[in-house]
């Protein structure tokens, strides 16, 4: 499954939406979340009638107009990240953002399954 995700990310970064129909259908069925963040694309698709916005050829061509691609991943394993860095065709840069652990602890404190854990006592003091 991880290899499938890596291949999907590689295709997205390369503006290659060929064989990405599963991803496109998922995006279309999930409130268009993936595409609404791309304001330049979405202004052409906003009316919901632009069926070409869901076609791999259109998406590939539209994507390739822009010189930079930015993708946010969450919890991508280091060994999988390495495959992107080592792929010279992608010319990729990776930015690692690490959250302050106090913020993580405060967020988890609100979860019912974390409230009685001993490691949260420092937050209450």
PDB file of N, CA and C in Angstrom:
ATOM      1  N   UNK A   1       0.816  -1.186   0.000  1.00  0.00           N
ATOM      2  CA  UNK A   1       0.000   0.000   0.000  1.00  0.00           C
ATOM      3  C   UNK A   1       0.872   1.267   0.000  1.00  0.00           C
ATOM      4  N   UNK A   2       1.970   1.225   0.734  1.00  0.00           N
ATOM      5  CA  UNK A   2       2.865   2.384   0.779  1.00  0.00           C
ATOM      6  C   UNK A   2       3.451   2.652  -0.600  1.00  0.00           C
ATOM      7  N   UNK A   3       3.786   1.592  -1.330  1.00  0.00           N
ATOM      8  CA  UNK A   3       4.341   1.774  -2.673  1.00  0.00           C
ATOM      9  C   UNK A   3       3.325   2.410  -3.610  1.00  0.00           C
ATOM     10  N   UNK A   4       2.065   2.043  -3.471  1.00  0.00           N
ATOM     11  CA  UNK A   4       1.015   2.659  -4.284  1.00  0.00           C
ATOM     12  C   UNK A   4       0.910   4.145  -3.986  1.00  0.00           C
ATOM     13  N   UNK A   5       1.011   4.505  -2.714  1.00  0.00           N
ATOM     14  CA  UNK A   5       0.952   5.915  -2.321  1.00  0.00           C
ATOM     15  C   UNK A   5       2.145   6.685  -2.881  1.00  0.00           C
ATOM     16  N   UNK A   6       3.317   6.084  -2.834  1.00  0.00           N
ATOM     17  CA  UNK A   6       4.513   6.727  -3.377  1.00  0.00           C
ATOM     18  C   UNK A   6       4.348   6.959  -4.876  1.00  0.00           C
ATOM     19  N   UNK A   7       3.856   5.953  -5.591  1.00  0.00           N
ATOM     20  CA  UNK A   7       3.658   6.102  -7.038  1.00  0.00           C
ATOM     21  C   UNK A   7       2.617   7.183  -7.336  1.00  0.00           C
ATOM     22  N   UNK A   8       1.574   7.238  -6.526  1.00  0.00           N
ATOM     23  CA  UNK A   8       0.552   8.273  -6.721  1.00  0.00           C
ATOM     24  C   UNK A   8       1.152   9.661  -6.498  1.00  0.00           C
ATOM     25  N   UNK A   9       1.936   9.820  -5.453  1.00  0.00           N
ATOM     26  CA  UNK A   9       2.582  11.110  -5.199  1.00  0.00           C
ATOM     27  C   UNK A   9       3.557  11.477  -6.316  1.00  0.00           C
ATOM     28  N   UNK A  10       4.292  10.502  -6.808  1.00  0.00           N
ATOM     29  CA  UNK A  10       5.217  10.766  -7.904  1.00  0.00           C
ATOM     30  C   UNK A  10       4.466  11.243  -9.141  1.00  0.00           C
ATOM     31  N   UNK A  11       3.331  10.625  -9.430  1.00  0.00           N
ATOM     32  CA  UNK A  11       2.535  11.049 -10.588  1.00  0.00           C
ATOM     33  C   UNK A  11       1.976  12.459 -10.382  1.00  0.00           C
ATOM     34  N   UNK A  12       1.510  12.748  -9.174  1.00  0.00           N
ATOM     35  CA  UNK A  12       0.975  14.088  -8.897  1.00  0.00           C
ATOM     36  C   UNK A  12       2.057  15.153  -9.030  1.00  0.00           C
ATOM     37  N   UNK A  13       3.228  14.886  -8.484  1.00  0.00           N
ATOM     38  CA  UNK A  13       4.330  15.841  -8.554  1.00  0.00           C
ATOM     39  C   UNK A  13       4.775  16.053  -9.998  1.00  0.00           C
ATOM     40  N   UNK A  14       4.689  15.008 -10.800  1.00  0.00           N
ATOM     41  CA  UNK A  14       5.096  15.077 -12.202  1.00  0.00           C
ATOM     42  C   UNK A  14       3.974  15.551 -13.123  1.00  0.00           C
ATOM     43  N   UNK A  15       2.841  15.918 -12.542  1.00  0.00           N
ATOM     44  CA  UNK A  15       1.671  16.351 -13.325  1.00  0.00           C
ATOM     45  C   UNK A  15       1.206  15.265 -14.286  1.00  0.00           C
ATOM     46  N   UNK A  16       1.256  14.037 -13.845  1.00  0.00           N
ATOM     47  CA  UNK A  16       0.842  12.914 -14.671  1.00  0.00           C
ATOM     48  C   UNK A  16      -0.397  12.277 -14.036  1.00  0.00           C
ATOM     49  N   UNK A  17      -1.556  12.689 -14.482  1.00  0.00           N
ATOM     50  CA  UNK A  17      -2.816  12.188 -13.934  1.00  0.00           C
ATOM     51  C   UNK A  17      -3.302  10.937 -14.664  1.00  0.00           C
ATOM     52  N   UNK A  18      -2.493  10.428 -15.593  1.00  0.00           N
ATOM     53  CA  UNK A  18      -2.828   9.186 -16.270  1.00  0.00           C
ATOM     54  C   UNK A  18      -2.886   8.065 -15.233  1.00  0.00           C
ATOM     55  N   UNK A  19      -3.861   7.214 -15.346  1.00  0.00           N
ATOM     56  CA  UNK A  19      -4.058   6.101 -14.400  1.00  0.00           C
ATOM     57  C   UNK A  19      -4.329   6.585 -12.977  1.00  0.00           C
ATOM     58  N   UNK A  20      -4.844   7.797 -12.845  1.00  0.00           N
ATOM     59  CA  UNK A  20      -5.168   8.351 -11.528  1.00  0.00           C
ATOM     60  C   UNK A  20      -6.683   8.519 -11.372  1.00  0.00           C
ATOM     61  N   UNK A  21      -7.463   7.801 -12.179  1.00  0.00           N
ATOM     62  CA  UNK A  21      -8.904   7.958 -12.145  1.00  0.00           C
ATOM     63  C   UNK A  21      -9.471   7.661 -10.758  1.00  0.00           C
ATOM     64  N   UNK A  22      -8.892   6.701 -10.066  1.00  0.00           N
ATOM     65  CA  UNK A  22      -9.354   6.379  -8.713  1.00  0.00           C
ATOM     66  C   UNK A  22      -9.189   7.590  -7.798  1.00  0.00           C
ATOM     67  N   UNK A  23      -8.044   8.253  -7.887  1.00  0.00           N
ATOM     68  CA  UNK A  23      -7.782   9.459  -7.099  1.00  0.00           C
ATOM     69  C   UNK A  23      -8.744  10.586  -7.487  1.00  0.00           C
ATOM     70  N   UNK A  24      -8.948  10.771  -8.780  1.00  0.00           N
ATOM     71  CA  UNK A  24      -9.832  11.836  -9.264  1.00  0.00           C
ATOM     72  C   UNK A  24     -11.259  11.596  -8.781  1.00  0.00           C
ATOM     73  N   UNK A  25     -11.721  10.359  -8.856  1.00  0.00           N
ATOM     74  CA  UNK A  25     -13.072  10.032  -8.383  1.00  0.00           C
ATOM     75  C   UNK A  25     -13.178  10.238  -6.878  1.00  0.00           C
ATOM     76  N   UNK A  26     -12.121   9.874  -6.149  1.00  0.00           N
ATOM     77  CA  UNK A  26     -12.123  10.086  -4.699  1.00  0.00           C
ATOM     78  C   UNK A  26     -12.219  11.584  -4.394  1.00  0.00           C
ATOM     79  N   UNK A  27     -11.419  12.382  -5.098  1.00  0.00           N
ATOM     80  CA  UNK A  27     -11.427  13.834  -4.882  1.00  0.00           C
ATOM     81  C   UNK A  27     -12.795  14.413  -5.220  1.00  0.00           C
ATOM     82  N   UNK A  28     -13.374  13.947  -6.286  1.00  0.00           N
ATOM     83  CA  UNK A  28     -14.680  14.440  -6.726  1.00  0.00           C
ATOM     84  C   UNK A  28     -15.758  14.099  -5.701  1.00  0.00           C
ATOM     85  N   UNK A  29     -15.670  12.931  -5.101  1.00  0.00           N
ATOM     86  CA  UNK A  29     -16.671  12.483  -4.144  1.00  0.00           C
ATOM     87  C   UNK A  29     -16.458  12.977  -2.721  1.00  0.00           C
ATOM     88  N   UNK A  30     -15.349  13.617  -2.455  1.00  0.00           N
ATOM     89  CA  UNK A  30     -15.050  14.101  -1.104  1.00  0.00           C
ATOM     90  C   UNK A  30     -15.084  15.618  -1.043  1.00  0.00           C
ATOM     91  N   UNK A  31     -16.133  16.175  -1.575  1.00  0.00           N
ATOM     92  CA  UNK A  31     -16.316  17.621  -1.505  1.00  0.00           C
ATOM     93  C   UNK A  31     -15.284  18.395  -2.302  1.00  0.00           C
ATOM     94  N   UNK A  32     -14.662  17.727  -3.274  1.00  0.00           N
ATOM     95  CA  UNK A  32     -13.668  18.382  -4.133  1.00  0.00           C
ATOM     96  C   UNK A  32     -12.517  18.978  -3.328  1.00  0.00           C
ATOM     97  N   UNK A  33     -12.300  18.480  -2.127  1.00  0.00           N
ATOM     98  CA  UNK A  33     -11.310  19.047  -1.213  1.00  0.00           C
ATOM     99  C   UNK A  33      -9.937  19.210  -1.857  1.00  0.00           C
ATOM    100  N   UNK A  34      -9.503  18.206  -2.577  1.00  0.00           N
ATOM    101  CA  UNK A  34      -8.156  18.256  -3.161  1.00  0.00           C
ATOM    102  C   UNK A  34      -8.001  19.357  -4.188  1.00  0.00           C
ATOM    103  N   UNK A  35      -9.067  19.632  -4.927  1.00  0.00           N
ATOM    104  CA  UNK A  35      -8.956  20.581  -6.024  1.00  0.00           C
ATOM    105  C   UNK A  35      -9.323  21.996  -5.619  1.00  0.00           C
ATOM    106  N   UNK A  36     -10.117  22.171  -4.588  1.00  0.00           N
ATOM    107  CA  UNK A  36     -10.510  23.519  -4.190  1.00  0.00           C
ATOM    108  C   UNK A  36      -9.326  24.310  -3.636  1.00  0.00           C
ATOM    109  N   UNK A  37      -8.309  23.637  -3.174  1.00  0.00           N
ATOM    110  CA  UNK A  37      -7.113  24.317  -2.672  1.00  0.00           C
ATOM    111  C   UNK A  37      -6.294  24.921  -3.809  1.00  0.00           C
ATOM    112  N   UNK A  38      -6.481  24.426  -5.012  1.00  0.00           N
ATOM    113  CA  UNK A  38      -5.815  24.971  -6.190  1.00  0.00           C
ATOM    114  C   UNK A  38      -6.757  26.002  -6.801  1.00  0.00           C
ATOM    115  N   UNK A  39      -6.633  27.237  -6.363  1.00  0.00           N
ATOM    116  CA  UNK A  39      -7.592  28.276  -6.750  1.00  0.00           C
ATOM    117  C   UNK A  39      -7.577  28.551  -8.257  1.00  0.00           C
ATOM    118  N   UNK A  40      -6.429  28.438  -8.884  1.00  0.00           N
ATOM    119  CA  UNK A  40      -6.378  28.694 -10.325  1.00  0.00           C
ATOM    120  C   UNK A  40      -7.129  27.632 -11.105  1.00  0.00           C
ATOM    121  N   UNK A  41      -7.043  26.401 -10.670  1.00  0.00           N
ATOM    122  CA  UNK A  41      -7.816  25.335 -11.307  1.00  0.00           C
ATOM    123  C   UNK A  41      -9.294  25.482 -10.970  1.00  0.00           C
ATOM    124  N   UNK A  42      -9.559  25.718  -9.714  1.00  0.00           N
ATOM    125  CA  UNK A  42     -10.946  25.684  -9.258  1.00  0.00           C
ATOM    126  C   UNK A  42     -11.801  26.813  -9.839  1.00  0.00           C
ATOM    127  N   UNK A  43     -11.199  27.932 -10.173  1.00  0.00           N
ATOM    128  CA  UNK A  43     -11.991  29.013 -10.772  1.00  0.00           C
ATOM    129  C   UNK A  43     -12.568  28.586 -12.120  1.00  0.00           C
ATOM    130  N   UNK A  44     -11.957  27.599 -12.763  1.00  0.00           N
ATOM    131  CA  UNK A  44     -12.486  27.076 -14.030  1.00  0.00           C
ATOM    132  C   UNK A  44     -13.507  25.957 -13.792  1.00  0.00           C
ATOM    133  N   UNK A  45     -13.514  25.400 -12.609  1.00  0.00           N
ATOM    134  CA  UNK A  45     -14.358  24.244 -12.326  1.00  0.00           C
ATOM    135  C   UNK A  45     -15.488  24.552 -11.347  1.00  0.00           C
ATOM    136  N   UNK A  46     -15.544  25.758 -10.880  1.00  0.00           N
ATOM    137  CA  UNK A  46     -16.442  26.132  -9.791  1.00  0.00           C
ATOM    138  C   UNK A  46     -17.910  25.875 -10.075  1.00  0.00           C
ATOM    139  N   UNK A  47     -18.318  26.030 -11.280  1.00  0.00           N
ATOM    140  CA  UNK A  47     -19.735  25.861 -11.583  1.00  0.00           C
ATOM    141  C   UNK A  47     -20.193  24.406 -11.463  1.00  0.00           C
ATOM    142  N   UNK A  48     -19.252  23.484 -11.349  1.00  0.00           N
ATOM    143  CA  UNK A  48     -19.583  22.080 -11.200  1.00  0.00           C
ATOM    144  C   UNK A  48     -20.026  21.423 -12.495  1.00  0.00           C
ATOM    145  N   UNK A  49     -20.143  22.204 -13.541  1.00  0.00           N
ATOM    146  CA  UNK A  49     -20.583  21.681 -14.831  1.00  0.00           C
ATOM    147  C   UNK A  49     -19.408  21.401 -15.759  1.00  0.00           C
ATOM    148  N   UNK A  50     -18.249  21.811 -15.360  1.00  0.00           N
ATOM    149  CA  UNK A  50     -17.067  21.658 -16.206  1.00  0.00           C
ATOM    150  C   UNK A  50     -16.500  20.256 -16.042  1.00  0.00           C
ATOM    151  N   UNK A  51     -17.060  19.328 -16.768  1.00  0.00           N
ATOM    152  CA  UNK A  51     -16.651  17.932 -16.656  1.00  0.00           C
ATOM    153  C   UNK A  51     -15.193  17.724 -17.064  1.00  0.00           C
ATOM    154  N   UNK A  52     -14.674  18.618 -17.909  1.00  0.00           N
ATOM    155  CA  UNK A  52     -13.270  18.472 -18.307  1.00  0.00           C
ATOM    156  C   UNK A  52     -12.331  18.598 -17.112  1.00  0.00           C
ATOM    157  N   UNK A  53     -12.769  19.223 -16.023  1.00  0.00           N
ATOM    158  CA  UNK A  53     -11.935  19.374 -14.829  1.00  0.00           C
ATOM    159  C   UNK A  53     -11.640  18.037 -14.159  1.00  0.00           C
ATOM    160  N   UNK A  54     -12.347  17.015 -14.550  1.00  0.00           N
ATOM    161  CA  UNK A  54     -12.151  15.684 -13.964  1.00  0.00           C
ATOM    162  C   UNK A  54     -11.501  14.730 -14.952  1.00  0.00           C
ATOM    163  N   UNK A  55     -10.974  15.261 -16.028  1.00  0.00           N
ATOM    164  CA  UNK A  55     -10.331  14.435 -17.038  1.00  0.00           C
ATOM    165  C   UNK A  55      -8.820  14.463 -16.844  1.00  0.00           C
ATOM    166  N   UNK A  56      -8.192  13.286 -16.812  1.00  0.00           N
ATOM    167  CA  UNK A  56      -6.746  13.213 -16.581  1.00  0.00           C
ATOM    168  C   UNK A  56      -5.915  14.056 -17.548  1.00  0.00           C
ATOM    169  N   UNK A  57      -6.277  14.076 -18.831  1.00  0.00           N
ATOM    170  CA  UNK A  57      -5.488  14.863 -19.800  1.00  0.00           C
ATOM    171  C   UNK A  57      -5.533  16.349 -19.490  1.00  0.00           C
ATOM    172  N   UNK A  58      -6.718  16.847 -19.164  1.00  0.00           N
ATOM    173  CA  UNK A  58      -6.840  18.261 -18.818  1.00  0.00           C
ATOM    174  C   UNK A  58      -6.035  18.572 -17.561  1.00  0.00           C
ATOM    175  N   UNK A  59      -6.184  17.748 -16.525  1.00  0.00           N
ATOM    176  CA  UNK A  59      -5.467  17.996 -15.265  1.00  0.00           C
ATOM    177  C   UNK A  59      -3.962  17.959 -15.460  1.00  0.00           C
ATOM    178  N   UNK A  60      -3.476  17.016 -16.260  1.00  0.00           N
ATOM    179  CA  UNK A  60      -2.034  16.931 -16.519  1.00  0.00           C
ATOM    180  C   UNK A  60      -1.534  18.177 -17.239  1.00  0.00           C
ATOM    181  N   UNK A  61      -2.259  18.602 -18.257  1.00  0.00           N
ATOM    182  CA  UNK A  61      -1.843  19.797 -19.010  1.00  0.00           C
ATOM    183  C   UNK A  61      -1.931  21.060 -18.162  1.00  0.00           C
ATOM    184  N   UNK A  62      -2.991  21.174 -17.395  1.00  0.00           N
ATOM    185  CA  UNK A  62      -3.165  22.358 -16.554  1.00  0.00           C
ATOM    186  C   UNK A  62      -2.070  22.420 -15.497  1.00  0.00           C
ATOM    187  N   UNK A  63      -1.797  21.312 -14.864  1.00  0.00           N
ATOM    188  CA  UNK A  63      -0.767  21.234 -13.827  1.00  0.00           C
ATOM    189  C   UNK A  63       0.605  21.632 -14.370  1.00  0.00           C
ATOM    190  N   UNK A  64       0.914  21.176 -15.569  1.00  0.00           N
ATOM    191  CA  UNK A  64       2.246  21.415 -16.120  1.00  0.00           C
ATOM    192  C   UNK A  64       2.491  22.871 -16.510  1.00  0.00           C
ATOM    193  N   UNK A  65       1.461  23.705 -16.496  1.00  0.00           N
ATOM    194  CA  UNK A  65       1.639  25.132 -16.775  1.00  0.00           C
ATOM    195  C   UNK A  65       2.474  25.798 -15.679  1.00  0.00           C
ATOM    196  N   UNK A  66       2.363  25.285 -14.471  1.00  0.00           N
ATOM    197  CA  UNK A  66       2.974  25.927 -13.311  1.00  0.00           C
ATOM    198  C   UNK A  66       4.359  25.341 -13.031  1.00  0.00           C
ATOM    199  N   UNK A  67       5.341  26.197 -12.744  1.00  0.00           N
ATOM    200  CA  UNK A  67       6.719  25.718 -12.587  1.00  0.00           C
ATOM    201  C   UNK A  67       6.981  24.967 -11.282  1.00  0.00           C
ATOM    202  N   UNK A  68       6.134  25.149 -10.284  1.00  0.00           N
ATOM    203  CA  UNK A  68       6.351  24.495  -8.994  1.00  0.00           C
ATOM    204  C   UNK A  68       5.099  23.740  -8.575  1.00  0.00           C
ATOM    205  N   UNK A  69       5.311  22.601  -7.960  1.00  0.00           N
ATOM    206  CA  UNK A  69       4.218  21.809  -7.399  1.00  0.00           C
ATOM    207  C   UNK A  69       4.484  21.697  -5.900  1.00  0.00           C
ATOM    208  N   UNK A  70       3.457  21.884  -5.106  1.00  0.00           N
ATOM    209  CA  UNK A  70       3.593  21.758  -3.654  1.00  0.00           C
ATOM    210  C   UNK A  70       2.565  20.743  -3.167  1.00  0.00           C
ATOM    211  N   UNK A  71       3.033  19.799  -2.388  1.00  0.00           N
ATOM    212  CA  UNK A  71       2.158  18.767  -1.837  1.00  0.00           C
ATOM    213  C   UNK A  71       2.461  18.620  -0.363  1.00  0.00           C
ATOM    214  N   UNK A  72       1.413  18.607   0.423  1.00  0.00           N
ATOM    215  CA  UNK A  72       1.559  18.393   1.862  1.00  0.00           C
ATOM    216  C   UNK A  72       1.273  16.927   2.148  1.00  0.00           C
ATOM    217  N   UNK A  73       2.173  16.301   2.859  1.00  0.00           N
ATOM    218  CA  UNK A  73       1.940  14.944   3.339  1.00  0.00           C
ATOM    219  C   UNK A  73       2.040  14.973   4.856  1.00  0.00           C
ATOM    220  N   UNK A  74       1.368  14.050   5.489  1.00  0.00           N
ATOM    221  CA  UNK A  74       1.395  13.961   6.938  1.00  0.00           C
ATOM    222  C   UNK A  74       1.865  12.563   7.312  1.00  0.00           C
ATOM    223  N   UNK A  75       2.858  12.501   8.150  1.00  0.00           N
ATOM    224  CA  UNK A  75       3.399  11.247   8.651  1.00  0.00           C
ATOM    225  C   UNK A  75       3.982  10.350   7.558  1.00  0.00           C
ATOM    226  N   UNK A  76       4.606  10.951   6.567  1.00  0.00           N
ATOM    227  CA  UNK A  76       5.269  10.174   5.525  1.00  0.00           C
ATOM    228  C   UNK A  76       6.572   9.631   6.097  1.00  0.00           C
ATOM    229  N   UNK A  77       6.740   8.359   6.040  1.00  0.00           N
ATOM    230  CA  UNK A  77       7.927   7.703   6.601  1.00  0.00           C
ATOM    231  C   UNK A  77       9.201   8.176   5.900  1.00  0.00           C
ATOM    232  N   UNK A  78      10.278   8.222   6.656  1.00  0.00           N
ATOM    233  CA  UNK A  78      11.550   8.711   6.140  1.00  0.00           C
ATOM    234  C   UNK A  78      12.045   7.865   4.975  1.00  0.00           C
ATOM    235  N   UNK A  79      11.898   6.550   5.067  1.00  0.00           N
ATOM    236  CA  UNK A  79      12.377   5.702   3.970  1.00  0.00           C
ATOM    237  C   UNK A  79      11.588   5.947   2.680  1.00  0.00           C
ATOM    238  N   UNK A  80      10.314   6.334   2.796  1.00  0.00           N
ATOM    239  CA  UNK A  80       9.529   6.661   1.606  1.00  0.00           C
ATOM    240  C   UNK A  80       9.882   8.046   1.083  1.00  0.00           C
ATOM    241  N   UNK A  81      10.166   8.957   1.979  1.00  0.00           N
ATOM    242  CA  UNK A  81      10.594  10.297   1.584  1.00  0.00           C
ATOM    243  C   UNK A  81      11.899  10.221   0.808  1.00  0.00           C
ATOM    244  N   UNK A  82      12.754   9.314   1.216  1.00  0.00           N
ATOM    245  CA  UNK A  82      14.046   9.126   0.553  1.00  0.00           C
ATOM    246  C   UNK A  82      13.875   8.807  -0.935  1.00  0.00           C
ATOM    247  N   UNK A  83      12.845   8.056  -1.282  1.00  0.00           N
ATOM    248  CA  UNK A  83      12.636   7.714  -2.690  1.00  0.00           C
ATOM    249  C   UNK A  83      12.369   8.964  -3.528  1.00  0.00           C
ATOM    250  N   UNK A  84      11.726   9.954  -2.958  1.00  0.00           N
ATOM    251  CA  UNK A  84      11.467  11.198  -3.694  1.00  0.00           C
ATOM    252  C   UNK A  84      12.741  12.011  -3.860  1.00  0.00           C
ATOM    253  N   UNK A  85      13.524  12.085  -2.811  1.00  0.00           N
ATOM    254  CA  UNK A  85      14.751  12.875  -2.853  1.00  0.00           C
ATOM    255  C   UNK A  85      15.748  12.278  -3.838  1.00  0.00           C
ATOM    256  N   UNK A  86      15.797  10.953  -3.902  1.00  0.00           N
ATOM    257  CA  UNK A  86      16.751  10.277  -4.777  1.00  0.00           C
ATOM    258  C   UNK A  86      16.324  10.233  -6.240  1.00  0.00           C
ATOM    259  N   UNK A  87      15.090  10.577  -6.531  1.00  0.00           N
ATOM    260  CA  UNK A  87      14.588  10.573  -7.901  1.00  0.00           C
ATOM    261  C   UNK A  87      14.994  11.890  -8.574  1.00  0.00           C
ATOM    262  N   UNK A  88      16.028  11.842  -9.395  1.00  0.00           N
ATOM    263  CA  UNK A  88      16.560  13.052 -10.035  1.00  0.00           C
ATOM    264  C   UNK A  88      15.579  13.688 -11.012  1.00  0.00           C
ATOM    265  N   UNK A  89      14.648  12.916 -11.530  1.00  0.00           N
ATOM    266  CA  UNK A  89      13.658  13.468 -12.465  1.00  0.00           C
ATOM    267  C   UNK A  89      12.693  14.419 -11.772  1.00  0.00           C
ATOM    268  N   UNK A  90      12.475  14.227 -10.486  1.00  0.00           N
ATOM    269  CA  UNK A  90      11.517  15.062  -9.760  1.00  0.00           C
ATOM    270  C   UNK A  90      12.111  16.393  -9.315  1.00  0.00           C
ATOM    271  N   UNK A  91      13.409  16.443  -9.094  1.00  0.00           N
ATOM    272  CA  UNK A  91      14.067  17.660  -8.609  1.00  0.00           C
ATOM    273  C   UNK A  91      13.318  18.203  -7.389  1.00  0.00           C
ATOM    274  N   UNK A  92      13.122  17.356  -6.442  1.00  0.00           N
ATOM    275  CA  UNK A  92      12.268  17.668  -5.298  1.00  0.00           C
ATOM    276  C   UNK A  92      13.060  18.191  -4.105  1.00  0.00           C
ATOM    277  N   UNK A  93      12.431  19.089  -3.398  1.00  0.00           N
ATOM    278  CA  UNK A  93      12.923  19.579  -2.110  1.00  0.00           C
ATOM    279  C   UNK A  93      11.914  19.145  -1.054  1.00  0.00           C
ATOM    280  N   UNK A  94      12.394  18.809   0.113  1.00  0.00           N
ATOM    281  CA  UNK A  94      11.521  18.381   1.202  1.00  0.00           C
ATOM    282  C   UNK A  94      11.680  19.348   2.360  1.00  0.00           C
ATOM    283  N   UNK A  95      10.581  19.798   2.884  1.00  0.00           N
ATOM    284  CA  UNK A  95      10.583  20.663   4.056  1.00  0.00           C
ATOM    285  C   UNK A  95       9.941  19.869   5.183  1.00  0.00           C
ATOM    286  N   UNK A  96      10.660  19.706   6.265  1.00  0.00           N
ATOM    287  CA  UNK A  96      10.157  18.971   7.414  1.00  0.00           C
ATOM    288  C   UNK A  96       9.664  19.966   8.461  1.00  0.00           C
ATOM    289  N   UNK A  97       8.413  19.883   8.791  1.00  0.00           N
ATOM    290  CA  UNK A  97       7.839  20.716   9.839  1.00  0.00           C
ATOM    291  C   UNK A  97       7.540  19.822  11.029  1.00  0.00           C
ATOM    292  N   UNK A  98       8.007  20.226  12.182  1.00  0.00           N
ATOM    293  CA  UNK A  98       7.800  19.450  13.393  1.00  0.00           C
ATOM    294  C   UNK A  98       7.013  20.303  14.370  1.00  0.00           C
ATOM    295  N   UNK A  99       5.960  19.747  14.889  1.00  0.00           N
ATOM    296  CA  UNK A  99       5.113  20.488  15.816  1.00  0.00           C
ATOM    297  C   UNK A  99       5.701  20.437  17.220  1.00  0.00           C
ATOM    298  N   UNK A 100       5.580  21.541  17.924  1.00  0.00           N
ATOM    299  CA  UNK A 100       5.984  21.597  19.324  1.00  0.00           C
ATOM    300  C   UNK A 100       5.195  20.533  20.084  1.00  0.00           C
ATOM    301  N   UNK A 101       5.862  19.664  20.826  1.00  0.00           N
ATOM    302  CA  UNK A 101       5.151  18.573  21.509  1.00  0.00           C
ATOM    303  C   UNK A 101       4.092  19.062  22.497  1.00  0.00           C
ATOM    304  N   UNK A 102       4.227  20.267  23.008  1.00  0.00           N
ATOM    305  CA  UNK A 102       3.206  20.775  23.931  1.00  0.00           C
ATOM    306  C   UNK A 102       1.872  20.963  23.222  1.00  0.00           C
ATOM    307  N   UNK A 103       1.912  21.383  21.967  1.00  0.00           N
ATOM    308  CA  UNK A 103       0.682  21.521  21.189  1.00  0.00           C
ATOM    309  C   UNK A 103       0.040  20.168  20.919  1.00  0.00           C
ATOM    310  N   UNK A 104       0.873  19.190  20.622  1.00  0.00           N
ATOM    311  CA  UNK A 104       0.362  17.840  20.397  1.00  0.00           C
ATOM    312  C   UNK A 104      -0.297  17.307  21.659  1.00  0.00           C
ATOM    313  N   UNK A 105       0.363  17.494  22.782  1.00  0.00           N
ATOM    314  CA  UNK A 105      -0.182  17.013  24.060  1.00  0.00           C
ATOM    315  C   UNK A 105      -1.490  17.728  24.388  1.00  0.00           C
ATOM    316  N   UNK A 106      -1.555  19.011  24.149  1.00  0.00           N
ATOM    317  CA  UNK A 106      -2.781  19.762  24.435  1.00  0.00           C
ATOM    318  C   UNK A 106      -3.923  19.284  23.542  1.00  0.00           C
ATOM    319  N   UNK A 107      -3.631  18.987  22.264  1.00  0.00           N
ATOM    320  CA  UNK A 107      -4.670  18.488  21.359  1.00  0.00           C
ATOM    321  C   UNK A 107      -5.163  17.125  21.798  1.00  0.00           C
ATOM    322  N   UNK A 108      -4.244  16.274  22.193  1.00  0.00           N
ATOM    323  CA  UNK A 108      -4.625  14.917  22.593  1.00  0.00           C
ATOM    324  C   UNK A 108      -5.374  14.898  23.917  1.00  0.00           C
ATOM    325  N   UNK A 109      -5.131  15.888  24.743  1.00  0.00           N
ATOM    326  CA  UNK A 109      -5.811  15.957  26.036  1.00  0.00           C
ATOM    327  C   UNK A 109      -7.327  16.032  25.850  1.00  0.00           C
ATOM    328  N   UNK A 110      -7.765  16.621  24.758  1.00  0.00           N
ATOM    329  CA  UNK A 110      -9.197  16.759  24.494  1.00  0.00           C
ATOM    330  C   UNK A 110      -9.835  15.447  24.036  1.00  0.00           C
ATOM    331  N   UNK A 111      -9.028  14.455  23.680  1.00  0.00           N
ATOM    332  CA  UNK A 111      -9.562  13.175  23.216  1.00  0.00           C
ATOM    333  C   UNK A 111      -9.939  12.311  24.414  1.00  0.00           C
ATOM    334  N   UNK A 112     -11.090  11.685  24.351  1.00  0.00           N
ATOM    335  CA  UNK A 112     -11.585  10.919  25.500  1.00  0.00           C
ATOM    336  C   UNK A 112     -10.639   9.791  25.889  1.00  0.00           C
ATOM    337  N   UNK A 113      -9.963   9.194  24.942  1.00  0.00           N
ATOM    338  CA  UNK A 113      -9.107   8.058  25.244  1.00  0.00           C
ATOM    339  C   UNK A 113      -7.741   8.474  25.792  1.00  0.00           C
ATOM    340  N   UNK A 114      -7.471   9.766  25.848  1.00  0.00           N
ATOM    341  CA  UNK A 114      -6.188  10.247  26.375  1.00  0.00           C
ATOM    342  C   UNK A 114      -6.329  10.961  27.729  1.00  0.00           C
ATOM    343  N   UNK A 115      -7.519  11.256  28.168  1.00  0.00           N
ATOM    344  CA  UNK A 115      -7.706  12.135  29.315  1.00  0.00           C
ATOM    345  C   UNK A 115      -7.145  11.597  30.630  1.00  0.00           C
ATOM    346  N   UNK A 116      -7.122  10.315  30.811  1.00  0.00           N
ATOM    347  CA  UNK A 116      -6.643   9.760  32.074  1.00  0.00           C
ATOM    348  C   UNK A 116      -5.231   9.204  31.989  1.00  0.00           C
ATOM    349  N   UNK A 117      -4.483   9.605  31.026  1.00  0.00           N
ATOM    350  CA  UNK A 117      -3.123   9.111  30.863  1.00  0.00           C
ATOM    351  C   UNK A 117      -2.164   9.888  31.768  1.00  0.00           C
ATOM    352  N   UNK A 118      -1.206   9.186  32.342  1.00  0.00           N
ATOM    353  CA  UNK A 118      -0.249   9.790  33.263  1.00  0.00           C
ATOM    354  C   UNK A 118       0.621  10.855  32.593  1.00  0.00           C
ATOM    355  N   UNK A 119       0.944  10.676  31.320  1.00  0.00           N
ATOM    356  CA  UNK A 119       1.857  11.614  30.657  1.00  0.00           C
ATOM    357  C   UNK A 119       1.216  12.967  30.386  1.00  0.00           C
ATOM    358  N   UNK A 120      -0.038  13.166  30.756  1.00  0.00           N
ATOM    359  CA  UNK A 120      -0.696  14.446  30.579  1.00  0.00           C
ATOM    360  C   UNK A 120      -0.742  15.261  31.869  1.00  0.00           C
ATOM    361  N   UNK A 121      -0.163  14.742  32.925  1.00  0.00           N
ATOM    362  CA  UNK A 121      -0.245  15.450  34.200  1.00  0.00           C
ATOM    363  C   UNK A 121       0.494  16.774  34.183  1.00  0.00           C
ATOM    364  N   UNK A 122       1.574  16.898  33.389  1.00  0.00           N
ATOM    365  CA  UNK A 122       2.322  18.159  33.365  1.00  0.00           C
ATOM    366  C   UNK A 122       1.496  19.286  32.765  1.00  0.00           C
ATOM    367  N   UNK A 123       0.507  18.975  31.930  1.00  0.00           N
ATOM    368  CA  UNK A 123      -0.330  20.011  31.338  1.00  0.00           C
ATOM    369  C   UNK A 123      -1.237  20.645  32.386  1.00  0.00           C
ATOM    370  N   UNK A 124      -1.685  19.840  33.316  1.00  0.00           N
ATOM    371  CA  UNK A 124      -2.610  20.314  34.338  1.00  0.00           C
ATOM    372  C   UNK A 124      -1.934  21.128  35.428  1.00  0.00           C
ATOM    373  N   UNK A 125      -0.627  21.031  35.530  1.00  0.00           N
ATOM    374  CA  UNK A 125       0.087  21.712  36.623  1.00  0.00           C
ATOM    375  C   UNK A 125       0.455  23.131  36.252  1.00  0.00           C
TER     376      UNK A 125
END
